[in-house]
């Protein structure tokens, strides 16, 4: 019985020590995560107005272009934004997929290829 009690007490003490040692790292990670969420929220709000390129988003959000591109890459990976066929000069434009739009109730996700196909088909044939 005493071996089990000693083990439990030692485990609790170890966990307490680790929490104390790591608390600053956890706080820093939580703060960084809050910054990322705030940045992402600004990007989504701007994209809700229509397709934009990375430089346009960077200017609108006052973030660096590499930071905006990092967010766009992550949002593309998880299906929240799609590359549009329209371009802003040499830059691709991106748009929110319907599910990612604020206030949208649809659960449909579109890939960039599906968005491109849909856009191409909407023009009709001449």
C-alpha atoms as a PDB file:
ATOM      1  CA  UNK A   1       0.000   0.000   0.000  1.00  0.00           C
ATOM      2  CA  UNK A   2       2.737   2.460   0.883  1.00  0.00           C
ATOM      3  CA  UNK A   3       4.464   1.875  -2.479  1.00  0.00           C
ATOM      4  CA  UNK A   4       1.287   2.911  -4.322  1.00  0.00           C
ATOM      5  CA  UNK A   5       0.881   5.957  -2.075  1.00  0.00           C
ATOM      6  CA  UNK A   6       4.507   6.981  -2.590  1.00  0.00           C
ATOM      7  CA  UNK A   7       4.131   6.586  -6.344  1.00  0.00           C
ATOM      8  CA  UNK A   8       0.962   8.731  -6.410  1.00  0.00           C
ATOM      9  CA  UNK A   9       2.537  11.420  -4.230  1.00  0.00           C
ATOM     10  CA  UNK A  10       5.697  11.454  -6.377  1.00  0.00           C
ATOM     11  CA  UNK A  11       3.595  11.703  -9.544  1.00  0.00           C
ATOM     12  CA  UNK A  12       1.637  14.653  -8.139  1.00  0.00           C
ATOM     13  CA  UNK A  13       4.832  16.419  -7.104  1.00  0.00           C
ATOM     14  CA  UNK A  14       6.402  15.821 -10.503  1.00  0.00           C
ATOM     15  CA  UNK A  15       3.337  17.166 -12.290  1.00  0.00           C
ATOM     16  CA  UNK A  16       3.250  20.222 -10.041  1.00  0.00           C
ATOM     17  CA  UNK A  17       6.917  20.925 -10.705  1.00  0.00           C
ATOM     18  CA  UNK A  18       6.464  20.526 -14.466  1.00  0.00           C
ATOM     19  CA  UNK A  19       3.447  22.872 -14.481  1.00  0.00           C
ATOM     20  CA  UNK A  20       5.481  25.496 -12.652  1.00  0.00           C
ATOM     21  CA  UNK A  21       8.479  25.078 -14.971  1.00  0.00           C
ATOM     22  CA  UNK A  22       6.387  25.187 -18.128  1.00  0.00           C
ATOM     23  CA  UNK A  23       3.864  27.847 -17.129  1.00  0.00           C
ATOM     24  CA  UNK A  24       5.749  30.663 -18.885  1.00  0.00           C
ATOM     25  CA  UNK A  25       5.992  28.593 -22.078  1.00  0.00           C
ATOM     26  CA  UNK A  26       2.277  27.818 -21.950  1.00  0.00           C
ATOM     27  CA  UNK A  27       1.421  31.501 -21.411  1.00  0.00           C
ATOM     28  CA  UNK A  28       3.647  32.524 -24.322  1.00  0.00           C
ATOM     29  CA  UNK A  29       2.096  29.885 -26.598  1.00  0.00           C
ATOM     30  CA  UNK A  30      -1.418  30.981 -25.637  1.00  0.00           C
ATOM     31  CA  UNK A  31      -0.537  34.626 -26.323  1.00  0.00           C
ATOM     32  CA  UNK A  32       0.950  33.734 -29.728  1.00  0.00           C
ATOM     33  CA  UNK A  33      -2.158  31.708 -30.556  1.00  0.00           C
ATOM     34  CA  UNK A  34      -4.297  34.722 -29.684  1.00  0.00           C
ATOM     35  CA  UNK A  35      -2.286  36.875 -32.103  1.00  0.00           C
ATOM     36  CA  UNK A  36      -2.703  34.294 -34.876  1.00  0.00           C
ATOM     37  CA  UNK A  37      -6.468  34.123 -34.296  1.00  0.00           C
ATOM     38  CA  UNK A  38      -6.778  37.916 -34.353  1.00  0.00           C
ATOM     39  CA  UNK A  39      -4.799  38.120 -37.609  1.00  0.00           C
ATOM     40  CA  UNK A  40      -6.866  35.360 -39.184  1.00  0.00           C
ATOM     41  CA  UNK A  41     -10.059  37.123 -38.142  1.00  0.00           C
ATOM     42  CA  UNK A  42      -8.925  40.332 -39.880  1.00  0.00           C
ATOM     43  CA  UNK A  43      -8.070  38.428 -43.059  1.00  0.00           C
ATOM     44  CA  UNK A  44     -11.427  36.623 -43.073  1.00  0.00           C
ATOM     45  CA  UNK A  45     -13.270  39.918 -42.533  1.00  0.00           C
ATOM     46  CA  UNK A  46     -11.509  41.468 -45.542  1.00  0.00           C
ATOM     47  CA  UNK A  47     -12.066  38.406 -47.727  1.00  0.00           C
ATOM     48  CA  UNK A  48     -15.766  38.507 -46.862  1.00  0.00           C
ATOM     49  CA  UNK A  49     -15.936  41.600 -49.074  1.00  0.00           C
ATOM     50  CA  UNK A  50     -14.721  39.684 -52.113  1.00  0.00           C
ATOM     51  CA  UNK A  51     -11.607  38.151 -53.655  1.00  0.00           C
ATOM     52  CA  UNK A  52      -8.285  39.789 -52.805  1.00  0.00           C
ATOM     53  CA  UNK A  53      -4.624  39.155 -53.541  1.00  0.00           C
ATOM     54  CA  UNK A  54      -1.950  38.723 -50.882  1.00  0.00           C
ATOM     55  CA  UNK A  55      -0.599  42.286 -51.374  1.00  0.00           C
ATOM     56  CA  UNK A  56      -4.127  43.695 -51.152  1.00  0.00           C
ATOM     57  CA  UNK A  57      -4.768  41.743 -47.947  1.00  0.00           C
ATOM     58  CA  UNK A  58      -1.426  42.837 -46.509  1.00  0.00           C
ATOM     59  CA  UNK A  59      -2.305  46.488 -47.126  1.00  0.00           C
ATOM     60  CA  UNK A  60      -5.831  46.086 -45.756  1.00  0.00           C
ATOM     61  CA  UNK A  61      -4.766  44.225 -42.606  1.00  0.00           C
ATOM     62  CA  UNK A  62      -1.440  46.021 -42.121  1.00  0.00           C
ATOM     63  CA  UNK A  63       0.344  42.684 -41.915  1.00  0.00           C
ATOM     64  CA  UNK A  64       3.468  41.734 -43.849  1.00  0.00           C
ATOM     65  CA  UNK A  65       2.924  39.903 -47.132  1.00  0.00           C
ATOM     66  CA  UNK A  66       4.788  36.844 -45.849  1.00  0.00           C
ATOM     67  CA  UNK A  67       2.511  36.709 -42.802  1.00  0.00           C
ATOM     68  CA  UNK A  68      -0.615  37.005 -44.978  1.00  0.00           C
ATOM     69  CA  UNK A  69       0.725  34.328 -47.328  1.00  0.00           C
ATOM     70  CA  UNK A  70       1.316  32.034 -44.330  1.00  0.00           C
ATOM     71  CA  UNK A  71      -2.330  32.454 -43.288  1.00  0.00           C
ATOM     72  CA  UNK A  72      -3.618  31.991 -46.852  1.00  0.00           C
ATOM     73  CA  UNK A  73      -1.581  28.787 -47.255  1.00  0.00           C
ATOM     74  CA  UNK A  74      -3.031  27.383 -44.034  1.00  0.00           C
ATOM     75  CA  UNK A  75      -6.555  28.451 -44.952  1.00  0.00           C
ATOM     76  CA  UNK A  76      -6.196  26.858 -48.414  1.00  0.00           C
ATOM     77  CA  UNK A  77      -4.882  23.648 -46.890  1.00  0.00           C
ATOM     78  CA  UNK A  78      -7.978  23.287 -44.742  1.00  0.00           C
ATOM     79  CA  UNK A  79     -10.461  24.427 -47.398  1.00  0.00           C
ATOM     80  CA  UNK A  80     -11.337  27.846 -46.002  1.00  0.00           C
ATOM     81  CA  UNK A  81     -10.164  29.845 -49.033  1.00  0.00           C
ATOM     82  CA  UNK A  82      -9.892  29.068 -52.718  1.00  0.00           C
ATOM     83  CA  UNK A  83      -7.698  30.472 -55.445  1.00  0.00           C
ATOM     84  CA  UNK A  84      -9.808  32.399 -57.933  1.00  0.00           C
ATOM     85  CA  UNK A  85      -9.276  32.539 -61.708  1.00  0.00           C
ATOM     86  CA  UNK A  86      -9.124  36.354 -61.638  1.00  0.00           C
ATOM     87  CA  UNK A  87      -5.726  37.862 -60.973  1.00  0.00           C
ATOM     88  CA  UNK A  88      -4.489  41.147 -59.589  1.00  0.00           C
ATOM     89  CA  UNK A  89      -1.648  41.713 -62.033  1.00  0.00           C
ATOM     90  CA  UNK A  90       0.762  38.850 -61.400  1.00  0.00           C
ATOM     91  CA  UNK A  91      -0.900  37.861 -58.121  1.00  0.00           C
ATOM     92  CA  UNK A  92      -3.536  35.225 -57.555  1.00  0.00           C
ATOM     93  CA  UNK A  93      -6.678  36.328 -55.793  1.00  0.00           C
ATOM     94  CA  UNK A  94      -8.305  34.337 -53.028  1.00  0.00           C
ATOM     95  CA  UNK A  95     -11.867  34.083 -51.840  1.00  0.00           C
ATOM     96  CA  UNK A  96     -13.563  32.496 -48.871  1.00  0.00           C
ATOM     97  CA  UNK A  97     -15.392  29.286 -49.608  1.00  0.00           C
ATOM     98  CA  UNK A  98     -19.076  29.536 -48.648  1.00  0.00           C
ATOM     99  CA  UNK A  99     -18.648  27.682 -45.333  1.00  0.00           C
ATOM    100  CA  UNK A 100     -15.946  30.101 -44.165  1.00  0.00           C
ATOM    101  CA  UNK A 101     -17.958  33.262 -44.888  1.00  0.00           C
ATOM    102  CA  UNK A 102     -19.193  35.019 -41.766  1.00  0.00           C
ATOM    103  CA  UNK A 103     -22.892  34.276 -41.340  1.00  0.00           C
ATOM    104  CA  UNK A 104     -22.900  31.495 -43.946  1.00  0.00           C
ATOM    105  CA  UNK A 105     -24.983  28.458 -43.087  1.00  0.00           C
ATOM    106  CA  UNK A 106     -23.923  26.165 -45.910  1.00  0.00           C
ATOM    107  CA  UNK A 107     -21.715  23.185 -45.132  1.00  0.00           C
ATOM    108  CA  UNK A 108     -20.537  22.745 -48.732  1.00  0.00           C
ATOM    109  CA  UNK A 109     -16.798  23.028 -49.329  1.00  0.00           C
ATOM    110  CA  UNK A 110     -15.308  23.820 -52.688  1.00  0.00           C
ATOM    111  CA  UNK A 111     -11.796  23.200 -53.837  1.00  0.00           C
ATOM    112  CA  UNK A 112     -10.041  25.788 -55.962  1.00  0.00           C
ATOM    113  CA  UNK A 113     -10.584  23.525 -58.984  1.00  0.00           C
ATOM    114  CA  UNK A 114     -14.324  23.349 -58.297  1.00  0.00           C
ATOM    115  CA  UNK A 115     -14.528  27.116 -57.895  1.00  0.00           C
ATOM    116  CA  UNK A 116     -12.604  27.586 -61.160  1.00  0.00           C
ATOM    117  CA  UNK A 117     -14.837  25.087 -62.986  1.00  0.00           C
ATOM    118  CA  UNK A 118     -17.976  26.737 -61.640  1.00  0.00           C
ATOM    119  CA  UNK A 119     -16.751  30.203 -62.649  1.00  0.00           C
ATOM    120  CA  UNK A 120     -15.840  28.973 -66.136  1.00  0.00           C
ATOM    121  CA  UNK A 121     -19.257  27.361 -66.576  1.00  0.00           C
ATOM    122  CA  UNK A 122     -21.183  30.421 -65.402  1.00  0.00           C
ATOM    123  CA  UNK A 123     -19.977  32.456 -68.376  1.00  0.00           C
ATOM    124  CA  UNK A 124     -21.738  30.163 -70.826  1.00  0.00           C
ATOM    125  CA  UNK A 125     -20.481  29.349 -74.288  1.00  0.00           C
ATOM    126  CA  UNK A 126     -20.289  31.896 -77.056  1.00  0.00           C
END
